[in-house]
Every structure is written in structure tokens, then in C-alpha cells.
Amino acid sequence: MRLRMLVVAVALAVGGCQGPAGPAGPQGPPGPQGTSGASIVESFWCDGPVDLGDGRRLLRHIVYFTSDGGSLATCSVFYPGQQVLGFIAYPSTHPGAKAAGCNVIADLDGSANGAYWTMYIDTSHDTGKATLTDVGANNGRAVTLTCTRV
């Protein structure tokens, strides 16, 4: 009998009885101003091969320009069997938005010294440029990228 009363008491406590919902609370303050809702208005796909004597690789810079004057860019180095990628987003107020410069760390000579490629676009000529910054013999190596509007 005591066990039955204990089970009923626990069931009521766990399930409980619920009363009617209370009144609605006050309206909260307005949230922060949202983004401009910019959309992509133009995009470019830029590629360039590079060979430092130990095998061919591909450099790729993909750029998206937005309706508010900003840009988004990825830059990639494709090795046989792998890819390294960099990404950047520029607001319209940033001076780099038009060239959409992007960096990607990629040691092509296996030295693991933090070499990186910087890629830019020149939309007036549908071309781009990738430049290697490295402590080795290939420092300053530049590759022209061919860009296609997509």
C-alpha cells in the first residue's frame, strides 16, 4: 500500500498538473541593424599552371563581387592528390575589395618554411596574378592567371 502511494505521489510530481499559460511578456528591444542583403553580381574563375621543376601544379583564384561593392575570394594551390585553400571577404569600404587579394600558404619545394602565394585579379583585362613569397630560390616567382567571367 505504501509503495502504491509512493508511486502515485512520484507520478503526480513528475507529470504534475499544469495550469493555464500566463500573459505574454513585454515586447523586447529592437535587434541590431542587419546586413545590406548584398547579392553576387559578377564572378571570375582564374587559373594558372606552375612548375618549379618537380611537377606541375595549378593555381586557382575564384572571385565574387557583390552588389554593395564588396568581394569574396578563394585562392587554391592544387598539388597531385591534394589542395590547399585560402579564403577572404572584403567589405565595400576596404581598399582591397576591387583586387580581391587572397593568400594561401603552400610550400612547393617541400622546405616547410611558410612560403605563400598572393593572388590578385585585374577585372579590366580579365587576368590575375599570383606571386610566391618564399625564402628559397623561387621567391618572387610570378604566374599570370587567365580569368573567365562566370
Protein backbone atom coordinates (compact mmCIF):
# COMPACT_ATOMS: atom_id res chain seq x y z
CA MET A 1 0.00 0.00 0.00
CA ARG A 2 2.76 2.42 0.90
CA LEU A 3 4.54 1.54 -2.31
CA ARG A 4 1.42 2.29 -4.32
CA MET A 5 1.02 5.70 -2.64
CA LEU A 6 4.68 6.44 -3.28
CA VAL A 7 4.30 5.57 -6.97
CA VAL A 8 1.19 7.79 -7.27
CA ALA A 9 2.95 10.67 -5.48
CA VAL A 10 6.04 10.38 -7.73
CA ALA A 11 3.84 10.17 -10.85
CA LEU A 12 1.99 13.33 -9.85
CA ALA A 13 5.23 15.13 -9.02
CA VAL A 14 6.89 14.12 -12.30
CA GLY A 15 3.87 14.54 -14.56
CA GLY A 16 2.41 17.26 -12.44
CA CYS A 17 -0.57 19.35 -13.17
CA GLN A 18 -0.14 22.32 -15.42
CA GLY A 19 -2.22 25.43 -15.16
CA PRO A 20 -3.15 27.86 -17.91
CA ALA A 21 -0.42 29.85 -19.65
CA GLY A 22 0.38 33.25 -18.21
CA PRO A 23 0.04 36.54 -20.07
CA ALA A 24 2.52 37.43 -22.83
CA GLY A 25 5.64 39.28 -21.73
CA PRO A 26 6.57 42.79 -22.85
CA GLN A 27 8.00 43.44 -26.33
CA GLY A 28 11.80 43.22 -26.40
CA PRO A 29 14.09 45.96 -27.74
CA PRO A 30 14.80 46.07 -31.47
CA GLY A 31 17.76 43.99 -32.66
CA PRO A 32 20.90 45.31 -34.35
CA GLN A 33 20.72 46.58 -37.91
CA GLY A 34 21.11 43.67 -40.31
CA THR A 35 23.39 43.35 -43.31
CA SER A 36 22.65 45.01 -46.60
CA GLY A 37 21.41 41.82 -48.20
CA ALA A 38 24.05 42.14 -50.92
CA SER A 39 23.96 39.67 -53.76
CA ILE A 40 26.64 38.36 -56.11
CA VAL A 41 26.68 40.43 -59.29
CA GLU A 42 29.85 39.19 -61.01
CA SER A 43 32.21 36.27 -60.60
CA PHE A 44 35.56 35.20 -62.06
CA TRP A 45 37.38 31.87 -62.25
CA CYS A 46 41.15 32.37 -62.71
CA ASP A 47 43.66 29.57 -63.33
CA GLY A 48 47.38 29.37 -63.95
CA PRO A 49 49.82 26.46 -64.11
CA VAL A 50 53.11 26.49 -62.25
CA ASP A 51 56.01 24.07 -62.42
CA LEU A 52 59.03 24.52 -60.17
CA GLY A 53 60.88 21.62 -61.73
CA ASP A 54 59.38 18.87 -59.61
CA GLY A 55 55.93 18.54 -61.11
CA ARG A 56 53.08 20.66 -62.39
CA ARG A 57 50.63 22.37 -60.04
CA LEU A 58 47.59 24.54 -60.60
CA LEU A 59 46.91 27.93 -59.02
CA ARG A 60 43.25 28.98 -58.85
CA HIS A 61 41.67 32.27 -57.71
CA ILE A 62 37.87 32.47 -57.64
CA VAL A 63 36.38 35.91 -57.03
CA TYR A 64 32.80 37.01 -56.34
CA PHE A 65 31.88 40.71 -56.43
CA THR A 66 28.77 41.79 -54.52
CA SER A 67 26.12 44.40 -55.25
CA ASP A 68 27.29 46.55 -52.33
CA GLY A 69 30.87 46.79 -53.70
CA GLY A 70 32.40 44.07 -51.53
CA SER A 71 34.12 40.90 -52.68
CA LEU A 72 34.72 37.30 -51.62
CA ALA A 73 37.68 35.27 -52.86
CA THR A 74 39.21 31.84 -52.56
CA CYS A 75 42.75 31.03 -53.63
CA SER A 76 43.97 27.49 -54.06
CA VAL A 77 47.07 25.54 -54.92
CA PHE A 78 46.41 22.09 -56.33
CA TYR A 79 49.15 19.52 -55.83
CA PRO A 80 48.92 16.00 -57.19
CA GLY A 81 46.36 14.42 -54.84
CA GLN A 82 45.72 17.43 -52.60
CA GLN A 83 44.61 21.06 -52.42
CA VAL A 84 45.36 23.92 -50.03
CA LEU A 85 42.88 26.77 -49.80
CA GLY A 86 42.69 30.36 -48.57
CA PHE A 87 39.56 32.50 -48.21
CA ILE A 88 38.91 36.20 -47.64
CA ALA A 89 35.91 38.54 -47.60
CA TYR A 90 36.24 42.29 -48.18
CA PRO A 91 33.58 44.84 -47.23
CA SER A 92 32.93 47.54 -49.81
CA THR A 93 34.79 50.07 -47.67
CA HIS A 94 38.08 48.12 -47.81
CA PRO A 95 40.60 49.32 -50.43
CA GLY A 96 41.41 45.68 -51.31
CA ALA A 97 37.86 44.82 -52.37
CA LYS A 98 38.43 45.55 -56.07
CA ALA A 99 41.56 43.37 -56.45
CA ALA A 100 40.23 40.71 -54.04
CA GLY A 101 43.74 39.75 -52.92
CA CYS A 102 43.99 36.35 -51.27
CA ASN A 103 46.86 34.46 -49.61
CA VAL A 104 47.40 30.72 -49.35
CA ILE A 105 50.30 29.02 -47.58
CA ALA A 106 51.82 26.45 -49.90
CA ASP A 107 55.44 25.33 -49.88
CA LEU A 108 56.04 23.97 -53.35
CA ASP A 109 59.59 22.87 -52.76
CA GLY A 110 58.93 20.76 -49.65
CA SER A 111 61.01 23.02 -47.38
CA ALA A 112 58.10 23.76 -44.98
CA ASN A 113 59.30 27.32 -44.44
CA GLY A 114 55.93 29.07 -44.62
CA ALA A 115 56.02 30.13 -48.25
CA TYR A 116 52.77 31.59 -49.52
CA TRP A 117 51.10 32.68 -52.74
CA THR A 118 49.30 36.02 -53.05
CA MET A 119 46.69 36.17 -55.80
CA TYR A 120 45.00 39.27 -57.25
CA ILE A 121 42.59 39.93 -60.09
CA ASP A 122 42.57 42.69 -62.73
CA THR A 123 38.99 42.75 -63.97
CA SER A 124 39.70 45.32 -66.66
CA HIS A 125 41.86 42.77 -68.51
CA ASP A 126 40.28 39.51 -67.27
CA THR A 127 43.64 38.43 -65.88
CA GLY A 128 45.10 37.75 -62.50
CA LYS A 129 48.49 37.39 -60.94
CA ALA A 130 49.91 35.03 -58.36
CA THR A 131 53.21 35.83 -56.66
CA LEU A 132 55.21 33.48 -54.44
CA THR A 133 56.81 34.78 -51.24
CA ASP A 134 59.49 32.33 -50.13
CA VAL A 135 62.96 32.35 -48.60
CA GLY A 136 64.17 29.97 -51.32
CA ALA A 137 65.24 30.40 -54.91
CA ASN A 138 61.66 30.79 -56.13
CA ASN A 139 60.94 33.95 -54.08
CA GLY A 140 59.09 36.48 -56.20
CA ARG A 141 58.07 33.93 -58.82
CA ALA A 142 55.04 35.33 -60.62
CA VAL A 143 52.40 33.44 -62.57
CA THR A 144 49.79 35.03 -64.82
CA LEU A 145 46.29 33.73 -64.22
CA THR A 146 43.77 33.53 -67.05
CA CYS A 147 40.35 34.63 -65.81
CA THR A 148 36.92 33.71 -67.14
CA ARG A 149 33.74 35.55 -66.18
CA VAL A 150 31.22 33.01 -64.97
